[in-house]
PDB file of all heavy atoms in Angstrom:
ATOM      1  N   LEU A   1       0.837  -1.203   0.000  1.00  0.00           N
ATOM      2  CA  LEU A   1       0.000   0.000   0.000  1.00  0.00           C
ATOM      3  C   LEU A   1       0.876   1.258   0.000  1.00  0.00           C
ATOM      4  O   LEU A   1       0.642   2.188  -0.788  1.00  0.00           O
ATOM      5  CB  LEU A   1      -0.929   0.010   1.211  1.00  0.00           C
ATOM      6  CG  LEU A   1      -1.732   1.307   1.402  1.00  0.00           C
ATOM      7  CD1 LEU A   1      -2.750   1.493   0.285  1.00  0.00           C
ATOM      8  CD2 LEU A   1      -2.428   1.319   2.759  1.00  0.00           C
ATOM      9  N   CYS A   2       1.868   1.302   0.883  1.00  0.00           N
ATOM     10  CA  CYS A   2       2.733   2.483   0.960  1.00  0.00           C
ATOM     11  C   CYS A   2       3.475   2.694  -0.356  1.00  0.00           C
ATOM     12  O   CYS A   2       3.620   3.841  -0.821  1.00  0.00           O
ATOM     13  CB  CYS A   2       3.722   2.328   2.109  1.00  0.00           C
ATOM     14  SG  CYS A   2       2.966   2.368   3.760  1.00  0.00           S
ATOM     15  N   ASP A   3       3.935   1.617  -0.974  1.00  0.00           N
ATOM     16  CA  ASP A   3       4.670   1.733  -2.222  1.00  0.00           C
ATOM     17  C   ASP A   3       3.775   2.267  -3.335  1.00  0.00           C
ATOM     18  O   ASP A   3       4.186   3.147  -4.105  1.00  0.00           O
ATOM     19  CB  ASP A   3       5.237   0.367  -2.608  1.00  0.00           C
ATOM     20  CG  ASP A   3       6.213   0.452  -3.769  1.00  0.00           C
ATOM     21  OD1 ASP A   3       7.251   1.114  -3.615  1.00  0.00           O
ATOM     22  OD2 ASP A   3       5.932  -0.150  -4.821  1.00  0.00           O
ATOM     23  N   ARG A   4       2.570   1.747  -3.437  1.00  0.00           N
ATOM     24  CA  ARG A   4       1.637   2.257  -4.452  1.00  0.00           C
ATOM     25  C   ARG A   4       1.273   3.717  -4.192  1.00  0.00           C
ATOM     26  O   ARG A   4       1.132   4.518  -5.127  1.00  0.00           O
ATOM     27  CB  ARG A   4       0.372   1.396  -4.491  1.00  0.00           C
ATOM     28  CG  ARG A   4       0.569   0.057  -5.165  1.00  0.00           C
ATOM     29  CD  ARG A   4      -0.729  -0.702  -5.330  1.00  0.00           C
ATOM     30  NE  ARG A   4      -1.197  -1.287  -4.088  1.00  0.00           N
ATOM     31  CZ  ARG A   4      -2.296  -0.942  -3.452  1.00  0.00           C
ATOM     32  NH1 ARG A   4      -3.077   0.019  -3.933  1.00  0.00           N
ATOM     33  NH2 ARG A   4      -2.648  -1.544  -2.331  1.00  0.00           N
ATOM     34  N   TRP A   5       1.099   4.054  -2.914  1.00  0.00           N
ATOM     35  CA  TRP A   5       0.741   5.422  -2.539  1.00  0.00           C
ATOM     36  C   TRP A   5       1.839   6.396  -2.979  1.00  0.00           C
ATOM     37  O   TRP A   5       1.561   7.420  -3.614  1.00  0.00           O
ATOM     38  CB  TRP A   5       0.538   5.480  -1.036  1.00  0.00           C
ATOM     39  CG  TRP A   5       0.083   6.808  -0.506  1.00  0.00           C
ATOM     40  CD1 TRP A   5       0.880   7.856  -0.154  1.00  0.00           C
ATOM     41  CD2 TRP A   5      -1.260   7.220  -0.253  1.00  0.00           C
ATOM     42  NE1 TRP A   5       0.112   8.898   0.307  1.00  0.00           N
ATOM     43  CE2 TRP A   5      -1.203   8.536   0.256  1.00  0.00           C
ATOM     44  CE3 TRP A   5      -2.500   6.604  -0.392  1.00  0.00           C
ATOM     45  CZ2 TRP A   5      -2.346   9.251   0.622  1.00  0.00           C
ATOM     46  CZ3 TRP A   5      -3.639   7.303  -0.029  1.00  0.00           C
ATOM     47  CH2 TRP A   5      -3.567   8.607   0.465  1.00  0.00           C
ATOM     48  N   VAL A   6       3.088   6.096  -2.648  1.00  0.00           N
ATOM     49  CA  VAL A   6       4.193   6.981  -3.011  1.00  0.00           C
ATOM     50  C   VAL A   6       4.392   6.998  -4.523  1.00  0.00           C
ATOM     51  O   VAL A   6       4.642   8.052  -5.120  1.00  0.00           O
ATOM     52  CB  VAL A   6       5.480   6.533  -2.284  1.00  0.00           C
ATOM     53  CG1 VAL A   6       6.694   7.304  -2.796  1.00  0.00           C
ATOM     54  CG2 VAL A   6       5.333   6.735  -0.779  1.00  0.00           C
ATOM     55  N   HIS A   7       4.256   5.835  -5.162  1.00  0.00           N
ATOM     56  CA  HIS A   7       4.423   5.754  -6.616  1.00  0.00           C
ATOM     57  C   HIS A   7       3.396   6.619  -7.342  1.00  0.00           C
ATOM     58  O   HIS A   7       3.668   7.139  -8.429  1.00  0.00           O
ATOM     59  CB  HIS A   7       4.310   4.300  -7.069  1.00  0.00           C
ATOM     60  CG  HIS A   7       4.597   4.087  -8.527  1.00  0.00           C
ATOM     61  ND1 HIS A   7       5.858   4.235  -9.064  1.00  0.00           N
ATOM     62  CD2 HIS A   7       3.776   3.742  -9.557  1.00  0.00           C
ATOM     63  CE1 HIS A   7       5.805   3.988 -10.366  1.00  0.00           C
ATOM     64  NE2 HIS A   7       4.567   3.683 -10.687  1.00  0.00           N
ATOM     65  N   SER A   8       2.226   6.820  -6.740  1.00  0.00           N
ATOM     66  CA  SER A   8       1.179   7.646  -7.358  1.00  0.00           C
ATOM     67  C   SER A   8       1.417   9.140  -7.162  1.00  0.00           C
ATOM     68  O   SER A   8       0.620   9.955  -7.627  1.00  0.00           O
ATOM     69  CB  SER A   8      -0.190   7.269  -6.774  1.00  0.00           C
ATOM     70  OG  SER A   8      -0.305   7.728  -5.429  1.00  0.00           O
ATOM     71  N   GLY A   9       2.508   9.498  -6.458  1.00  0.00           N
ATOM     72  CA  GLY A   9       2.815  10.904  -6.243  1.00  0.00           C
ATOM     73  C   GLY A   9       2.274  11.473  -4.958  1.00  0.00           C
ATOM     74  O   GLY A   9       2.426  12.674  -4.697  1.00  0.00           O
ATOM     75  N   ARG A  10       1.681  10.633  -4.118  1.00  0.00           N
ATOM     76  CA  ARG A  10       1.139  11.103  -2.845  1.00  0.00           C
ATOM     77  C   ARG A  10       2.233  11.098  -1.765  1.00  0.00           C
ATOM     78  O   ARG A  10       3.285  10.514  -1.940  1.00  0.00           O
ATOM     79  CB  ARG A  10      -0.039  10.237  -2.423  1.00  0.00           C
ATOM     80  CG  ARG A  10      -1.257  10.351  -3.359  1.00  0.00           C
ATOM     81  CD  ARG A  10      -2.312   9.316  -2.998  1.00  0.00           C
ATOM     82  NE  ARG A  10      -3.580   9.542  -3.666  1.00  0.00           N
ATOM     83  CZ  ARG A  10      -3.905   9.072  -4.861  1.00  0.00           C
ATOM     84  NH1 ARG A  10      -3.026   8.338  -5.535  1.00  0.00           N
ATOM     85  NH2 ARG A  10      -5.087   9.312  -5.378  1.00  0.00           N
ATOM     86  N   THR A  11       1.911  11.723  -0.635  1.00  0.00           N
ATOM     87  CA  THR A  11       2.879  11.948   0.436  1.00  0.00           C
ATOM     88  C   THR A  11       2.521  11.142   1.671  1.00  0.00           C
ATOM     89  O   THR A  11       1.334  10.902   1.942  1.00  0.00           O
ATOM     90  CB  THR A  11       2.919  13.454   0.797  1.00  0.00           C
ATOM     91  OG1 THR A  11       3.284  14.191  -0.372  1.00  0.00           O
ATOM     92  CG2 THR A  11       3.926  13.743   1.900  1.00  0.00           C
ATOM     93  N   MET A  12       3.548  10.743   2.434  1.00  0.00           N
ATOM     94  CA  MET A  12       3.367  10.090   3.729  1.00  0.00           C
ATOM     95  C   MET A  12       4.164  10.860   4.773  1.00  0.00           C
ATOM     96  O   MET A  12       5.277  11.311   4.519  1.00  0.00           O
ATOM     97  CB  MET A  12       3.827   8.634   3.689  1.00  0.00           C
ATOM     98  CG  MET A  12       3.184   7.821   2.587  1.00  0.00           C
ATOM     99  SD  MET A  12       3.112   6.032   2.937  1.00  0.00           S
ATOM    100  CE  MET A  12       4.766   5.700   3.497  1.00  0.00           C
ATOM    101  N   THR A  13       3.589  10.995   5.970  1.00  0.00           N
ATOM    102  CA  THR A  13       4.205  11.757   7.051  1.00  0.00           C
ATOM    103  C   THR A  13       4.295  10.898   8.300  1.00  0.00           C
ATOM    104  O   THR A  13       3.325  10.234   8.684  1.00  0.00           O
ATOM    105  CB  THR A  13       3.368  13.021   7.371  1.00  0.00           C
ATOM    106  OG1 THR A  13       3.396  13.893   6.239  1.00  0.00           O
ATOM    107  CG2 THR A  13       3.929  13.752   8.574  1.00  0.00           C
ATOM    108  N   TYR A  14       5.462  10.933   8.928  1.00  0.00           N
ATOM    109  CA  TYR A  14       5.683  10.208  10.183  1.00  0.00           C
ATOM    110  C   TYR A  14       5.341  11.117  11.355  1.00  0.00           C
ATOM    111  O   TYR A  14       5.827  12.241  11.457  1.00  0.00           O
ATOM    112  CB  TYR A  14       7.136   9.755  10.269  1.00  0.00           C
ATOM    113  CG  TYR A  14       7.485   8.985  11.522  1.00  0.00           C
ATOM    114  CD1 TYR A  14       6.649   7.991  12.021  1.00  0.00           C
ATOM    115  CD2 TYR A  14       8.679   9.238  12.198  1.00  0.00           C
ATOM    116  CE1 TYR A  14       6.980   7.278  13.158  1.00  0.00           C
ATOM    117  CE2 TYR A  14       9.025   8.523  13.328  1.00  0.00           C
ATOM    118  CZ  TYR A  14       8.163   7.545  13.810  1.00  0.00           C
ATOM    119  OH  TYR A  14       8.500   6.846  14.941  1.00  0.00           O
ATOM    120  N   ALA A  15       4.483  10.608  12.256  1.00  0.00           N
ATOM    121  CA  ALA A  15       4.035  11.364  13.430  1.00  0.00           C
ATOM    122  C   ALA A  15       4.430  10.585  14.685  1.00  0.00           C
ATOM    123  O   ALA A  15       3.620   9.818  15.226  1.00  0.00           O
ATOM    124  CB  ALA A  15       2.529  11.590  13.377  1.00  0.00           C
ATOM    125  N   PRO A  16       5.661  10.735  15.185  1.00  0.00           N
ATOM    126  CA  PRO A  16       6.133   9.913  16.306  1.00  0.00           C
ATOM    127  C   PRO A  16       5.387  10.165  17.610  1.00  0.00           C
ATOM    128  O   PRO A  16       5.492   9.345  18.531  1.00  0.00           O
ATOM    129  CB  PRO A  16       7.611  10.301  16.432  1.00  0.00           C
ATOM    130  CG  PRO A  16       7.720  11.647  15.805  1.00  0.00           C
ATOM    131  CD  PRO A  16       6.698  11.670  14.699  1.00  0.00           C
ATOM    132  N   GLU A  17       4.649  11.259  17.700  1.00  0.00           N
ATOM    133  CA  GLU A  17       3.877  11.523  18.920  1.00  0.00           C
ATOM    134  C   GLU A  17       2.615  10.665  19.019  1.00  0.00           C
ATOM    135  O   GLU A  17       1.988  10.600  20.082  1.00  0.00           O
ATOM    136  CB  GLU A  17       3.504  13.014  18.991  1.00  0.00           C
ATOM    137  CG  GLU A  17       2.399  13.463  18.038  1.00  0.00           C
ATOM    138  CD  GLU A  17       2.868  13.780  16.619  1.00  0.00           C
ATOM    139  OE1 GLU A  17       4.039  13.453  16.298  1.00  0.00           O
ATOM    140  OE2 GLU A  17       2.069  14.331  15.832  1.00  0.00           O
ATOM    141  N   CYS A  18       2.245   9.999  17.933  1.00  0.00           N
ATOM    142  CA  CYS A  18       1.044   9.150  17.910  1.00  0.00           C
ATOM    143  C   CYS A  18       1.477   7.708  18.205  1.00  0.00           C
ATOM    144  O   CYS A  18       1.870   6.969  17.302  1.00  0.00           O
ATOM    145  CB  CYS A  18       0.343   9.256  16.560  1.00  0.00           C
ATOM    146  SG  CYS A  18      -0.162  10.940  16.140  1.00  0.00           S
ATOM    147  N   VAL A  19       1.389   7.311  19.467  1.00  0.00           N
ATOM    148  CA  VAL A  19       2.048   6.099  19.954  1.00  0.00           C
ATOM    149  C   VAL A  19       1.044   4.989  20.243  1.00  0.00           C
ATOM    150  O   VAL A  19      -0.035   5.234  20.802  1.00  0.00           O
ATOM    151  CB  VAL A  19       2.852   6.406  21.234  1.00  0.00           C
ATOM    152  CG1 VAL A  19       3.486   5.138  21.807  1.00  0.00           C
ATOM    153  CG2 VAL A  19       3.917   7.459  20.954  1.00  0.00           C
ATOM    154  N   ILE A  20       1.410   3.785  19.860  1.00  0.00           N
ATOM    155  CA  ILE A  20       0.702   2.596  20.330  1.00  0.00           C
ATOM    156  C   ILE A  20       1.704   1.671  21.008  1.00  0.00           C
ATOM    157  O   ILE A  20       2.886   1.639  20.653  1.00  0.00           O
ATOM    158  CB  ILE A  20      -0.022   1.834  19.198  1.00  0.00           C
ATOM    159  CG1 ILE A  20       0.978   1.315  18.160  1.00  0.00           C
ATOM    160  CG2 ILE A  20      -1.104   2.672  18.556  1.00  0.00           C
ATOM    161  CD1 ILE A  20       0.381   0.326  17.195  1.00  0.00           C
ATOM    162  N   LEU A  21       1.229   0.916  22.005  1.00  0.00           N
ATOM    163  CA  LEU A  21       2.018  -0.121  22.651  1.00  0.00           C
ATOM    164  C   LEU A  21       1.635  -1.460  22.039  1.00  0.00           C
ATOM    165  O   LEU A  21       0.451  -1.793  21.956  1.00  0.00           O
ATOM    166  CB  LEU A  21       1.752  -0.127  24.159  1.00  0.00           C
ATOM    167  CG  LEU A  21       2.051   1.164  24.906  1.00  0.00           C
ATOM    168  CD1 LEU A  21       1.708   1.009  26.388  1.00  0.00           C
ATOM    169  CD2 LEU A  21       3.498   1.594  24.735  1.00  0.00           C
ATOM    170  N   HIS A  22       2.656  -2.207  21.616  1.00  0.00           N
ATOM    171  CA  HIS A  22       2.422  -3.469  20.917  1.00  0.00           C
ATOM    172  C   HIS A  22       2.771  -4.624  21.854  1.00  0.00           C
ATOM    173  O   HIS A  22       3.902  -4.715  22.333  1.00  0.00           O
ATOM    174  CB  HIS A  22       3.276  -3.519  19.661  1.00  0.00           C
ATOM    175  CG  HIS A  22       2.969  -4.655  18.748  1.00  0.00           C
ATOM    176  ND1 HIS A  22       3.877  -5.160  17.844  1.00  0.00           N
ATOM    177  CD2 HIS A  22       1.848  -5.395  18.584  1.00  0.00           C
ATOM    178  CE1 HIS A  22       3.338  -6.139  17.169  1.00  0.00           C
ATOM    179  NE2 HIS A  22       2.101  -6.317  17.601  1.00  0.00           N
ATOM    180  N   ALA A  23       1.809  -5.502  22.116  1.00  0.00           N
ATOM    181  CA  ALA A  23       2.008  -6.611  23.057  1.00  0.00           C
ATOM    182  C   ALA A  23       1.761  -7.939  22.347  1.00  0.00           C
ATOM    183  O   ALA A  23       0.736  -8.594  22.550  1.00  0.00           O
ATOM    184  CB  ALA A  23       1.080  -6.461  24.263  1.00  0.00           C
ATOM    185  N   HIS A  24       2.712  -8.331  21.494  1.00  0.00           N
ATOM    186  CA  HIS A  24       2.598  -9.587  20.754  1.00  0.00           C
ATOM    187  C   HIS A  24       3.559 -10.596  21.365  1.00  0.00           C
ATOM    188  O   HIS A  24       4.737 -10.659  21.006  1.00  0.00           O
ATOM    189  CB  HIS A  24       2.906  -9.365  19.277  1.00  0.00           C
ATOM    190  CG  HIS A  24       2.632 -10.559  18.423  1.00  0.00           C
ATOM    191  ND1 HIS A  24       2.633 -10.519  17.051  1.00  0.00           N
ATOM    192  CD2 HIS A  24       2.331 -11.846  18.749  1.00  0.00           C
ATOM    193  CE1 HIS A  24       2.362 -11.720  16.564  1.00  0.00           C
ATOM    194  NE2 HIS A  24       2.178 -12.535  17.582  1.00  0.00           N
ATOM    195  N   ALA A  25       3.043 -11.384  22.299  1.00  0.00           N
ATOM    196  CA  ALA A  25       3.878 -12.386  22.964  1.00  0.00           C
ATOM    197  C   ALA A  25       4.161 -13.548  22.010  1.00  0.00           C
ATOM    198  O   ALA A  25       3.263 -14.006  21.299  1.00  0.00           O
ATOM    199  CB  ALA A  25       3.189 -12.893  24.222  1.00  0.00           C
ATOM    200  N   MET A  26       5.403 -14.017  22.006  1.00  0.00           N
ATOM    201  CA  MET A  26       5.747 -15.169  21.167  1.00  0.00           C
ATOM    202  C   MET A  26       7.009 -15.839  21.686  1.00  0.00           C
ATOM    203  O   MET A  26       7.841 -15.205  22.348  1.00  0.00           O
ATOM    204  CB  MET A  26       5.914 -14.744  19.701  1.00  0.00           C
ATOM    205  CG  MET A  26       7.098 -13.853  19.425  1.00  0.00           C
ATOM    206  SD  MET A  26       7.180 -13.350  17.674  1.00  0.00           S
ATOM    207  CE  MET A  26       6.293 -11.807  17.784  1.00  0.00           C
ATOM    208  N   GLY A  27       7.108 -17.129  21.394  1.00  0.00           N
ATOM    209  CA  GLY A  27       8.318 -17.884  21.662  1.00  0.00           C
ATOM    210  C   GLY A  27       9.084 -18.093  20.379  1.00  0.00           C
ATOM    211  O   GLY A  27       8.757 -17.525  19.329  1.00  0.00           O
ATOM    212  N   LEU A  28      10.078 -18.964  20.435  1.00  0.00           N
ATOM    213  CA  LEU A  28      10.926 -19.187  19.272  1.00  0.00           C
ATOM    214  C   LEU A  28      10.125 -19.727  18.084  1.00  0.00           C
ATOM    215  O   LEU A  28      10.301 -19.266  16.951  1.00  0.00           O
ATOM    216  CB  LEU A  28      12.048 -20.163  19.636  1.00  0.00           C
ATOM    217  CG  LEU A  28      12.982 -20.581  18.496  1.00  0.00           C
ATOM    218  CD1 LEU A  28      13.656 -19.362  17.876  1.00  0.00           C
ATOM    219  CD2 LEU A  28      14.026 -21.573  19.002  1.00  0.00           C
ATOM    220  N   ALA A  29       9.222 -20.696  18.331  1.00  0.00           N
ATOM    221  CA  ALA A  29       8.464 -21.295  17.226  1.00  0.00           C
ATOM    222  C   ALA A  29       7.572 -20.258  16.552  1.00  0.00           C
ATOM    223  O   ALA A  29       7.509 -20.166  15.320  1.00  0.00           O
ATOM    224  CB  ALA A  29       7.632 -22.472  17.731  1.00  0.00           C
ATOM    225  N   GLY A  30       6.878 -19.455  17.356  1.00  0.00           N
ATOM    226  CA  GLY A  30       6.009 -18.433  16.788  1.00  0.00           C
ATOM    227  C   GLY A  30       6.800 -17.361  16.053  1.00  0.00           C
ATOM    228  O   GLY A  30       6.375 -16.860  15.000  1.00  0.00           O
TER     229      GLY A  30
END
């Protein structure tokens, strides 16, 4: 999606103040 978006001439902006906490527990197999 991001690649097609940029390829079409559109812009993407990084907003580091917009934070989520990611809690994806996994072991070696996962």
